[in-house]
Amino acid sequence: MGSFPIDCIENKYKGGEMPVSYYISIEPTGKENLFHIIWQHSETNTVNSFDQEAEITPDEAQRLWQYSQHQTSIGEKLFRFLDGDSRCLLRALDETHQQAESLQLNLHACNQIVDWPFELLAESNKFVLLDRLHLVRQVSDWGSSGIGSRQSEI
């Protein structure tokens, strides 16, 4: 297998700088449709956590997201879900915009929502992935020692 050309990654970010990144962990609370979301800034280790009710329905998560007419509305629901009342996602996007950097979200979702289409994140009827942020999904706890563990990223 050949080596991966790292310069194509470095050139993706302005000035060769790495993006501002957050680790996001989503766990069930034990109440139906209510989840505990933890945001951790990867450099400062600042943590913000909150409980958030999901607006997205099982039908949207499993089937409707595949149809273009539903994608932005589902993406906006997912945006509000991750954003919470404290506006974590919006503040992170504003932070990276002010610094002229990219935003990377390292997402670890619990089994109940691991298949949700977070790639459809949308704000004001526009998708934010690729244009404003990058999404990295953690799909396993193998080797993990908790939120922000670089050993568990894929």
Foldseek 3Di string as FASTA:
>chain_A
DDDDPCVVVLVLKPPSDAFFEWEWEWAPPPDPQKIKIWIAGLPPRDIDIDIFGQPDDPCVQPPVCVDPVCLQVLLCSLCCRNLDPVGVVVVSLVVCVVVVTAYEYEYEYDPVRLSGPNQSNHDPSGRCDPVHYDYFYQDDCVPPPDTNDPVRTD
